[in-house]
Amino acid sequence: GPVELAKHDGNWQIERPSAHRADNNAVRALLSSIRN
C-alpha cells in the first residue's frame, strides 16, 4: 500500500497510511540509495 512522507521544518513525517514521526536517518538512507 502507499506510504506518503513530507518534510516539515527539516524533519520528515509519515502522513499516510497513518501519522507518525519518521526516522530522519532512515529517510536519508532511502534518498541516498536512490541517488546512488
PDB file of all heavy atoms in Angstrom:
ATOM      1  N   GLY A   1       0.821  -1.196   0.000  1.00  0.00           N
ATOM      2  CA  GLY A   1       0.000   0.000   0.000  1.00  0.00           C
ATOM      3  C   GLY A   1       0.857   1.248   0.000  1.00  0.00           C
ATOM      4  O   GLY A   1       2.063   1.201   0.277  1.00  0.00           O
ATOM      5  N   PRO A   2       0.254   2.395  -0.282  1.00  0.00           N
ATOM      6  CA  PRO A   2       1.027   3.638  -0.385  1.00  0.00           C
ATOM      7  C   PRO A   2       1.500   4.159   0.968  1.00  0.00           C
ATOM      8  O   PRO A   2       0.807   4.027   1.977  1.00  0.00           O
ATOM      9  CB  PRO A   2       0.041   4.613  -1.044  1.00  0.00           C
ATOM     10  CG  PRO A   2      -1.303   4.084  -0.668  1.00  0.00           C
ATOM     11  CD  PRO A   2      -1.171   2.595  -0.593  1.00  0.00           C
ATOM     12  N   VAL A   3       2.686   4.737   0.949  1.00  0.00           N
ATOM     13  CA  VAL A   3       3.240   5.411   2.121  1.00  0.00           C
ATOM     14  C   VAL A   3       3.647   6.807   1.660  1.00  0.00           C
ATOM     15  O   VAL A   3       4.400   6.955   0.699  1.00  0.00           O
ATOM     16  CB  VAL A   3       4.466   4.669   2.684  1.00  0.00           C
ATOM     17  CG1 VAL A   3       5.043   5.421   3.874  1.00  0.00           C
ATOM     18  CG2 VAL A   3       4.111   3.244   3.067  1.00  0.00           C
ATOM     19  N   GLU A   4       3.139   7.817   2.352  1.00  0.00           N
ATOM     20  CA  GLU A   4       3.451   9.200   1.985  1.00  0.00           C
ATOM     21  C   GLU A   4       4.217   9.874   3.113  1.00  0.00           C
ATOM     22  O   GLU A   4       3.848   9.768   4.282  1.00  0.00           O
ATOM     23  CB  GLU A   4       2.166   9.977   1.689  1.00  0.00           C
ATOM     24  CG  GLU A   4       1.425   9.453   0.463  1.00  0.00           C
ATOM     25  CD  GLU A   4       0.150  10.235   0.188  1.00  0.00           C
ATOM     26  OE1 GLU A   4      -0.104  11.222   0.921  1.00  0.00           O
ATOM     27  OE2 GLU A   4      -0.589   9.868  -0.747  1.00  0.00           O
ATOM     28  N   LEU A   5       5.295  10.569   2.726  1.00  0.00           N
ATOM     29  CA  LEU A   5       6.106  11.305   3.686  1.00  0.00           C
ATOM     30  C   LEU A   5       6.251  12.747   3.220  1.00  0.00           C
ATOM     31  O   LEU A   5       6.279  13.023   2.012  1.00  0.00           O
ATOM     32  CB  LEU A   5       7.496  10.690   3.826  1.00  0.00           C
ATOM     33  CG  LEU A   5       7.595   9.241   4.279  1.00  0.00           C
ATOM     34  CD1 LEU A   5       7.784   8.320   3.075  1.00  0.00           C
ATOM     35  CD2 LEU A   5       8.750   9.035   5.250  1.00  0.00           C
ATOM     36  N   ALA A   6       6.356  13.654   4.183  1.00  0.00           N
ATOM     37  CA  ALA A   6       6.576  15.065   3.877  1.00  0.00           C
ATOM     38  C   ALA A   6       7.568  15.638   4.871  1.00  0.00           C
ATOM     39  O   ALA A   6       7.642  15.193   6.016  1.00  0.00           O
ATOM     40  CB  ALA A   6       5.262  15.836   3.913  1.00  0.00           C
ATOM     41  N   LYS A   7       8.339  16.617   4.406  1.00  0.00           N
ATOM     42  CA  LYS A   7       9.337  17.247   5.267  1.00  0.00           C
ATOM     43  C   LYS A   7       8.787  18.571   5.778  1.00  0.00           C
ATOM     44  O   LYS A   7       8.355  19.426   4.995  1.00  0.00           O
ATOM     45  CB  LYS A   7      10.637  17.454   4.501  1.00  0.00           C
ATOM     46  CG  LYS A   7      11.775  17.962   5.365  1.00  0.00           C
ATOM     47  CD  LYS A   7      13.140  17.729   4.721  1.00  0.00           C
ATOM     48  CE  LYS A   7      13.308  18.416   3.403  1.00  0.00           C
ATOM     49  NZ  LYS A   7      14.690  18.298   2.883  1.00  0.00           N
ATOM     50  N   HIS A   8       8.781  18.719   7.107  1.00  0.00           N
ATOM     51  CA  HIS A   8       8.303  19.941   7.750  1.00  0.00           C
ATOM     52  C   HIS A   8       9.401  20.467   8.665  1.00  0.00           C
ATOM     53  O   HIS A   8       9.843  19.754   9.581  1.00  0.00           O
ATOM     54  CB  HIS A   8       7.037  19.674   8.569  1.00  0.00           C
ATOM     55  CG  HIS A   8       5.894  19.134   7.761  1.00  0.00           C
ATOM     56  ND1 HIS A   8       5.178  19.901   6.877  1.00  0.00           N
ATOM     57  CD2 HIS A   8       5.356  17.875   7.703  1.00  0.00           C
ATOM     58  CE1 HIS A   8       4.232  19.156   6.320  1.00  0.00           C
ATOM     59  NE2 HIS A   8       4.330  17.926   6.786  1.00  0.00           N
ATOM     60  N   ASP A   9       9.836  21.695   8.412  1.00  0.00           N
ATOM     61  CA  ASP A   9      10.873  22.315   9.248  1.00  0.00           C
ATOM     62  C   ASP A   9      12.113  21.441   9.372  1.00  0.00           C
ATOM     63  O   ASP A   9      12.715  21.318  10.435  1.00  0.00           O
ATOM     64  CB  ASP A   9      10.315  22.646  10.639  1.00  0.00           C
ATOM     65  CG  ASP A   9       9.170  23.647  10.590  1.00  0.00           C
ATOM     66  OD1 ASP A   9       9.212  24.534   9.719  1.00  0.00           O
ATOM     67  OD2 ASP A   9       8.236  23.511  11.404  1.00  0.00           O
ATOM     68  N   GLY A  10      12.462  20.781   8.259  1.00  0.00           N
ATOM     69  CA  GLY A  10      13.674  19.972   8.238  1.00  0.00           C
ATOM     70  C   GLY A  10      13.516  18.560   8.763  1.00  0.00           C
ATOM     71  O   GLY A  10      14.465  17.785   8.717  1.00  0.00           O
ATOM     72  N   ASN A  11      12.337  18.202   9.282  1.00  0.00           N
ATOM     73  CA  ASN A  11      12.103  16.862   9.820  1.00  0.00           C
ATOM     74  C   ASN A  11      11.050  16.143   8.990  1.00  0.00           C
ATOM     75  O   ASN A  11      10.050  16.735   8.563  1.00  0.00           O
ATOM     76  CB  ASN A  11      11.652  16.937  11.282  1.00  0.00           C
ATOM     77  CG  ASN A  11      12.762  17.414  12.196  1.00  0.00           C
ATOM     78  OD1 ASN A  11      13.868  16.891  12.178  1.00  0.00           O
ATOM     79  ND2 ASN A  11      12.475  18.434  12.995  1.00  0.00           N
ATOM     80  N   TRP A  12      11.271  14.847   8.802  1.00  0.00           N
ATOM     81  CA  TRP A  12      10.354  14.044   7.999  1.00  0.00           C
ATOM     82  C   TRP A  12       9.220  13.498   8.855  1.00  0.00           C
ATOM     83  O   TRP A  12       9.428  13.100  10.003  1.00  0.00           O
ATOM     84  CB  TRP A  12      11.105  12.901   7.327  1.00  0.00           C
ATOM     85  CG  TRP A  12      11.916  13.357   6.150  1.00  0.00           C
ATOM     86  CD1 TRP A  12      13.235  13.669   6.138  1.00  0.00           C
ATOM     87  CD2 TRP A  12      11.437  13.575   4.827  1.00  0.00           C
ATOM     88  NE1 TRP A  12      13.629  14.066   4.879  1.00  0.00           N
ATOM     89  CE2 TRP A  12      12.542  14.018   4.055  1.00  0.00           C
ATOM     90  CE3 TRP A  12      10.193  13.436   4.209  1.00  0.00           C
ATOM     91  CZ2 TRP A  12      12.425  14.323   2.692  1.00  0.00           C
ATOM     92  CZ3 TRP A  12      10.074  13.733   2.852  1.00  0.00           C
ATOM     93  CH2 TRP A  12      11.182  14.175   2.111  1.00  0.00           C
ATOM     94  N   GLN A  13       8.024  13.499   8.265  1.00  0.00           N
ATOM     95  CA  GLN A  13       6.826  12.968   8.911  1.00  0.00           C
ATOM     96  C   GLN A  13       6.151  11.972   7.968  1.00  0.00           C
ATOM     97  O   GLN A  13       6.102  12.188   6.754  1.00  0.00           O
ATOM     98  CB  GLN A  13       5.826  14.087   9.239  1.00  0.00           C
ATOM     99  CG  GLN A  13       6.379  15.210  10.100  1.00  0.00           C
ATOM    100  CD  GLN A  13       6.556  14.784  11.546  1.00  0.00           C
ATOM    101  OE1 GLN A  13       5.822  13.932  12.041  1.00  0.00           O
ATOM    102  NE2 GLN A  13       7.522  15.375  12.225  1.00  0.00           N
ATOM    103  N   ILE A  14       5.674  10.873   8.533  1.00  0.00           N
ATOM    104  CA  ILE A  14       4.837   9.954   7.753  1.00  0.00           C
ATOM    105  C   ILE A  14       3.400  10.449   7.863  1.00  0.00           C
ATOM    106  O   ILE A  14       2.881  10.626   8.964  1.00  0.00           O
ATOM    107  CB  ILE A  14       4.953   8.512   8.288  1.00  0.00           C
ATOM    108  CG1 ILE A  14       6.397   8.013   8.140  1.00  0.00           C
ATOM    109  CG2 ILE A  14       4.000   7.579   7.542  1.00  0.00           C
ATOM    110  CD1 ILE A  14       6.660   6.661   8.766  1.00  0.00           C
ATOM    111  N   GLU A  15       2.753  10.670   6.723  1.00  0.00           N
ATOM    112  CA  GLU A  15       1.390  11.204   6.719  1.00  0.00           C
ATOM    113  C   GLU A  15       0.349  10.178   6.307  1.00  0.00           C
ATOM    114  O   GLU A  15      -0.837  10.343   6.600  1.00  0.00           O
ATOM    115  CB  GLU A  15       1.329  12.428   5.787  1.00  0.00           C
ATOM    116  CG  GLU A  15       2.269  13.555   6.254  1.00  0.00           C
ATOM    117  CD  GLU A  15       2.092  14.827   5.475  1.00  0.00           C
ATOM    118  OE1 GLU A  15       1.608  14.760   4.315  1.00  0.00           O
ATOM    119  OE2 GLU A  15       2.420  15.901   6.019  1.00  0.00           O
ATOM    120  N   ARG A  16       0.788   9.124   5.640  1.00  0.00           N
ATOM    121  CA  ARG A  16      -0.134   8.076   5.199  1.00  0.00           C
ATOM    122  C   ARG A  16       0.611   6.762   5.186  1.00  0.00           C
ATOM    123  O   ARG A  16       1.785   6.761   4.802  1.00  0.00           O
ATOM    124  CB  ARG A  16      -0.662   8.431   3.790  1.00  0.00           C
ATOM    125  CG  ARG A  16      -1.733   7.497   3.254  1.00  0.00           C
ATOM    126  CD  ARG A  16      -2.164   7.933   1.862  1.00  0.00           C
ATOM    127  NE  ARG A  16      -3.136   7.016   1.294  1.00  0.00           N
ATOM    128  CZ  ARG A  16      -3.480   6.997   0.015  1.00  0.00           C
ATOM    129  NH1 ARG A  16      -2.934   7.849  -0.838  1.00  0.00           N
ATOM    130  NH2 ARG A  16      -4.372   6.143  -0.440  1.00  0.00           N
ATOM    131  N   PRO A  17       0.013   5.677   5.624  1.00  0.00           N
ATOM    132  CA  PRO A  17      -1.402   5.440   5.949  1.00  0.00           C
ATOM    133  C   PRO A  17      -1.838   5.976   7.313  1.00  0.00           C
ATOM    134  O   PRO A  17      -3.025   6.051   7.590  1.00  0.00           O
ATOM    135  CB  PRO A  17      -1.509   3.928   5.904  1.00  0.00           C
ATOM    136  CG  PRO A  17      -0.143   3.448   6.270  1.00  0.00           C
ATOM    137  CD  PRO A  17       0.801   4.443   5.675  1.00  0.00           C
ATOM    138  N   SER A  18      -0.873   6.311   8.182  1.00  0.00           N
ATOM    139  CA  SER A  18      -1.217   6.914   9.465  1.00  0.00           C
ATOM    140  C   SER A  18      -0.089   7.861   9.847  1.00  0.00           C
ATOM    141  O   SER A  18       1.042   7.745   9.353  1.00  0.00           O
ATOM    142  CB  SER A  18      -1.430   5.846  10.548  1.00  0.00           C
ATOM    143  OG  SER A  18      -0.322   4.965  10.625  1.00  0.00           O
ATOM    144  N   ALA A  19      -0.394   8.808  10.703  1.00  0.00           N
ATOM    145  CA  ALA A  19       0.575   9.847  11.048  1.00  0.00           C
ATOM    146  C   ALA A  19       1.581   9.351  12.077  1.00  0.00           C
ATOM    147  O   ALA A  19       1.191   8.835  13.134  1.00  0.00           O
ATOM    148  CB  ALA A  19      -0.157  11.079  11.572  1.00  0.00           C
ATOM    149  N   HIS A  20       2.859   9.510  11.764  1.00  0.00           N
ATOM    150  CA  HIS A  20       3.942   9.132  12.680  1.00  0.00           C
ATOM    151  C   HIS A  20       5.125  10.048  12.417  1.00  0.00           C
ATOM    152  O   HIS A  20       5.312  10.552  11.306  1.00  0.00           O
ATOM    153  CB  HIS A  20       4.405   7.683  12.462  1.00  0.00           C
ATOM    154  CG  HIS A  20       3.343   6.659  12.617  1.00  0.00           C
ATOM    155  ND1 HIS A  20       2.845   6.285  13.841  1.00  0.00           N
ATOM    156  CD2 HIS A  20       2.666   5.928  11.688  1.00  0.00           C
ATOM    157  CE1 HIS A  20       1.927   5.354  13.674  1.00  0.00           C
ATOM    158  NE2 HIS A  20       1.795   5.119  12.383  1.00  0.00           N
ATOM    159  N   ARG A  21       5.939  10.208  13.429  1.00  0.00           N
ATOM    160  CA  ARG A  21       7.230  10.824  13.196  1.00  0.00           C
ATOM    161  C   ARG A  21       8.075   9.841  12.389  1.00  0.00           C
ATOM    162  O   ARG A  21       8.074   8.639  12.671  1.00  0.00           O
ATOM    163  CB  ARG A  21       7.934  11.130  14.517  1.00  0.00           C
ATOM    164  CG  ARG A  21       7.321  12.271  15.304  1.00  0.00           C
ATOM    165  CD  ARG A  21       8.102  12.531  16.579  1.00  0.00           C
ATOM    166  NE  ARG A  21       8.139  11.350  17.442  1.00  0.00           N
ATOM    167  CZ  ARG A  21       8.789  11.281  18.594  1.00  0.00           C
ATOM    168  NH1 ARG A  21       9.487  12.316  19.017  1.00  0.00           N
ATOM    169  NH2 ARG A  21       8.757  10.178  19.319  1.00  0.00           N
ATOM    170  N   ALA A  22       8.771  10.350  11.392  1.00  0.00           N
ATOM    171  CA  ALA A  22       9.658   9.493  10.611  1.00  0.00           C
ATOM    172  C   ALA A  22      11.059   9.521  11.206  1.00  0.00           C
ATOM    173  O   ALA A  22      11.436  10.456  11.911  1.00  0.00           O
ATOM    174  CB  ALA A  22       9.688   9.951   9.162  1.00  0.00           C
ATOM    175  N   ASP A  23      11.804   8.478  10.917  1.00  0.00           N
ATOM    176  CA  ASP A  23      13.209   8.418  11.312  1.00  0.00           C
ATOM    177  C   ASP A  23      14.003   9.153  10.243  1.00  0.00           C
ATOM    178  O   ASP A  23      14.155   8.677   9.112  1.00  0.00           O
ATOM    179  CB  ASP A  23      13.637   6.949  11.411  1.00  0.00           C
ATOM    180  CG  ASP A  23      15.076   6.776  11.884  1.00  0.00           C
ATOM    181  OD1 ASP A  23      15.879   7.710  11.690  1.00  0.00           O
ATOM    182  OD2 ASP A  23      15.386   5.715  12.433  1.00  0.00           O
ATOM    183  N   ASN A  24      14.508  10.337  10.581  1.00  0.00           N
ATOM    184  CA  ASN A  24      15.223  11.141   9.592  1.00  0.00           C
ATOM    185  C   ASN A  24      16.388  10.392   8.972  1.00  0.00           C
ATOM    186  O   ASN A  24      16.665  10.514   7.776  1.00  0.00           O
ATOM    187  CB  ASN A  24      15.726  12.438  10.231  1.00  0.00           C
ATOM    188  CG  ASN A  24      14.606  13.434  10.484  1.00  0.00           C
ATOM    189  OD1 ASN A  24      13.623  13.471   9.744  1.00  0.00           O
ATOM    190  ND2 ASN A  24      14.744  14.231  11.521  1.00  0.00           N
ATOM    191  N   ASN A  25      17.090   9.608   9.778  1.00  0.00           N
ATOM    192  CA  ASN A  25      18.228   8.845   9.251  1.00  0.00           C
ATOM    193  C   ASN A  25      17.769   7.794   8.251  1.00  0.00           C
ATOM    194  O   ASN A  25      18.434   7.565   7.231  1.00  0.00           O
ATOM    195  CB  ASN A  25      18.999   8.182  10.393  1.00  0.00           C
ATOM    196  CG  ASN A  25      19.762   9.183  11.237  1.00  0.00           C
ATOM    197  OD1 ASN A  25      20.176  10.228  10.748  1.00  0.00           O
ATOM    198  ND2 ASN A  25      19.938   8.881  12.510  1.00  0.00           N
ATOM    199  N   ALA A  26      16.634   7.136   8.533  1.00  0.00           N
ATOM    200  CA  ALA A  26      16.118   6.112   7.621  1.00  0.00           C
ATOM    201  C   ALA A  26      15.683   6.734   6.300  1.00  0.00           C
ATOM    202  O   ALA A  26      15.910   6.165   5.225  1.00  0.00           O
ATOM    203  CB  ALA A  26      14.960   5.369   8.279  1.00  0.00           C
ATOM    204  N   VAL A  27      15.057   7.913   6.362  1.00  0.00           N
ATOM    205  CA  VAL A  27      14.631   8.589   5.134  1.00  0.00           C
ATOM    206  C   VAL A  27      15.845   9.047   4.339  1.00  0.00           C
ATOM    207  O   VAL A  27      15.901   8.908   3.109  1.00  0.00           O
ATOM    208  CB  VAL A  27      13.702   9.773   5.454  1.00  0.00           C
ATOM    209  CG1 VAL A  27      13.313  10.504   4.165  1.00  0.00           C
ATOM    210  CG2 VAL A  27      12.448   9.297   6.178  1.00  0.00           C
ATOM    211  N   ARG A  28      16.840   9.579   5.033  1.00  0.00           N
ATOM    212  CA  ARG A  28      18.067   9.998   4.342  1.00  0.00           C
ATOM    213  C   ARG A  28      18.747   8.805   3.680  1.00  0.00           C
ATOM    214  O   ARG A  28      19.306   8.933   2.581  1.00  0.00           O
ATOM    215  CB  ARG A  28      19.020  10.688   5.315  1.00  0.00           C
ATOM    216  CG  ARG A  28      18.639  12.141   5.612  1.00  0.00           C
ATOM    217  CD  ARG A  28      19.769  12.882   6.301  1.00  0.00           C
ATOM    218  NE  ARG A  28      19.932  12.439   7.679  1.00  0.00           N
ATOM    219  CZ  ARG A  28      19.385  13.033   8.720  1.00  0.00           C
ATOM    220  NH1 ARG A  28      18.625  14.103   8.548  1.00  0.00           N
ATOM    221  NH2 ARG A  28      19.595  12.589   9.942  1.00  0.00           N
ATOM    222  N   ALA A  29      18.731   7.649   4.345  1.00  0.00           N
ATOM    223  CA  ALA A  29      19.337   6.446   3.761  1.00  0.00           C
ATOM    224  C   ALA A  29      18.594   6.022   2.500  1.00  0.00           C
ATOM    225  O   ALA A  29      19.210   5.589   1.517  1.00  0.00           O
ATOM    226  CB  ALA A  29      19.338   5.317   4.792  1.00  0.00           C
ATOM    227  N   LEU A  30      17.258   6.143   2.513  1.00  0.00           N
ATOM    228  CA  LEU A  30      16.466   5.806   1.329  1.00  0.00           C
ATOM    229  C   LEU A  30      16.823   6.745   0.178  1.00  0.00           C
ATOM    230  O   LEU A  30      17.048   6.298  -0.958  1.00  0.00           O
ATOM    231  CB  LEU A  30      14.977   5.895   1.653  1.00  0.00           C
ATOM    232  CG  LEU A  30      14.019   5.750   0.460  1.00  0.00           C
ATOM    233  CD1 LEU A  30      14.156   4.379  -0.181  1.00  0.00           C
ATOM    234  CD2 LEU A  30      12.582   5.999   0.893  1.00  0.00           C
ATOM    235  N   LEU A  31      16.881   8.048   0.443  1.00  0.00           N
ATOM    236  CA  LEU A  31      17.234   9.005  -0.600  1.00  0.00           C
ATOM    237  C   LEU A  31      18.647   8.756  -1.123  1.00  0.00           C
ATOM    238  O   LEU A  31      18.917   8.880  -2.324  1.00  0.00           O
ATOM    239  CB  LEU A  31      17.112  10.429  -0.062  1.00  0.00           C
ATOM    240  CG  LEU A  31      15.685  10.926   0.216  1.00  0.00           C
ATOM    241  CD1 LEU A  31      15.722  12.298   0.872  1.00  0.00           C
ATOM    242  CD2 LEU A  31      14.862  10.967  -1.063  1.00  0.00           C
ATOM    243  N   SER A  32      19.550   8.401  -0.222  1.00  0.00           N
ATOM    244  CA  SER A  32      20.918   8.097  -0.636  1.00  0.00           C
ATOM    245  C   SER A  32      20.954   6.874  -1.555  1.00  0.00           C
ATOM    246  O   SER A  32      21.687   6.849  -2.550  1.00  0.00           O
ATOM    247  CB  SER A  32      21.801   7.864   0.594  1.00  0.00           C
ATOM    248  OG  SER A  32      23.107   7.492   0.223  1.00  0.00           O
ATOM    249  N   SER A  33      20.140   5.864  -1.235  1.00  0.00           N
ATOM    250  CA  SER A  33      20.085   4.658  -2.073  1.00  0.00           C
ATOM    251  C   SER A  33      19.572   4.990  -3.467  1.00  0.00           C
ATOM    252  O   SER A  33      20.077   4.472  -4.469  1.00  0.00           O
ATOM    253  CB  SER A  33      19.174   3.606  -1.428  1.00  0.00           C
ATOM    254  OG  SER A  33      19.704   3.155  -0.199  1.00  0.00           O
ATOM    255  N   ILE A  34      18.565   5.874  -3.546  1.00  0.00           N
ATOM    256  CA  ILE A  34      18.023   6.271  -4.839  1.00  0.00           C
ATOM    257  C   ILE A  34      19.051   7.071  -5.628  1.00  0.00           C
ATOM    258  O   ILE A  34      19.291   6.836  -6.817  1.00  0.00           O
ATOM    259  CB  ILE A  34      16.726   7.091  -4.640  1.00  0.00           C
ATOM    260  CG1 ILE A  34      15.655   6.236  -3.960  1.00  0.00           C
ATOM    261  CG2 ILE A  34      16.217   7.632  -5.966  1.00  0.00           C
ATOM    262  CD1 ILE A  34      14.448   7.018  -3.494  1.00  0.00           C
ATOM    263  N   ARG A  35      19.673   8.040  -4.958  1.00  0.00           N
ATOM    264  CA  ARG A  35      20.650   8.900  -5.622  1.00  0.00           C
ATOM    265  C   ARG A  35      21.857   8.116  -6.119  1.00  0.00           C
ATOM    266  O   ARG A  35      22.430   8.433  -7.168  1.00  0.00           O
ATOM    267  CB  ARG A  35      21.091  10.008  -4.666  1.00  0.00           C
ATOM    268  CG  ARG A  35      22.228  10.865  -5.163  1.00  0.00           C
ATOM    269  CD  ARG A  35      22.484  12.056  -4.252  1.00  0.00           C
ATOM    270  NE  ARG A  35      22.374  11.750  -2.850  1.00  0.00           N
ATOM    271  CZ  ARG A  35      23.322  11.192  -2.115  1.00  0.00           C
ATOM    272  NH1 ARG A  35      24.475  10.846  -2.680  1.00  0.00           N
ATOM    273  NH2 ARG A  35      23.139  10.976  -0.811  1.00  0.00           N
ATOM    274  N   ASN A  36      22.266   7.107  -5.382  1.00  0.00           N
ATOM    275  CA  ASN A  36      23.470   6.348  -5.723  1.00  0.00           C
ATOM    276  C   ASN A  36      23.211   5.158  -6.632  1.00  0.00           C
ATOM    277  O   ASN A  36      24.136   4.383  -6.914  1.00  0.00           O
ATOM    278  CB  ASN A  36      24.160   5.865  -4.442  1.00  0.00           C
ATOM    279  CG  ASN A  36      24.804   7.007  -3.674  1.00  0.00           C
ATOM    280  OD1 ASN A  36      25.418   7.890  -4.271  1.00  0.00           O
ATOM    281  ND2 ASN A  36      24.657   7.021  -2.365  1.00  0.00           N
TER     282      ASN A  36
END
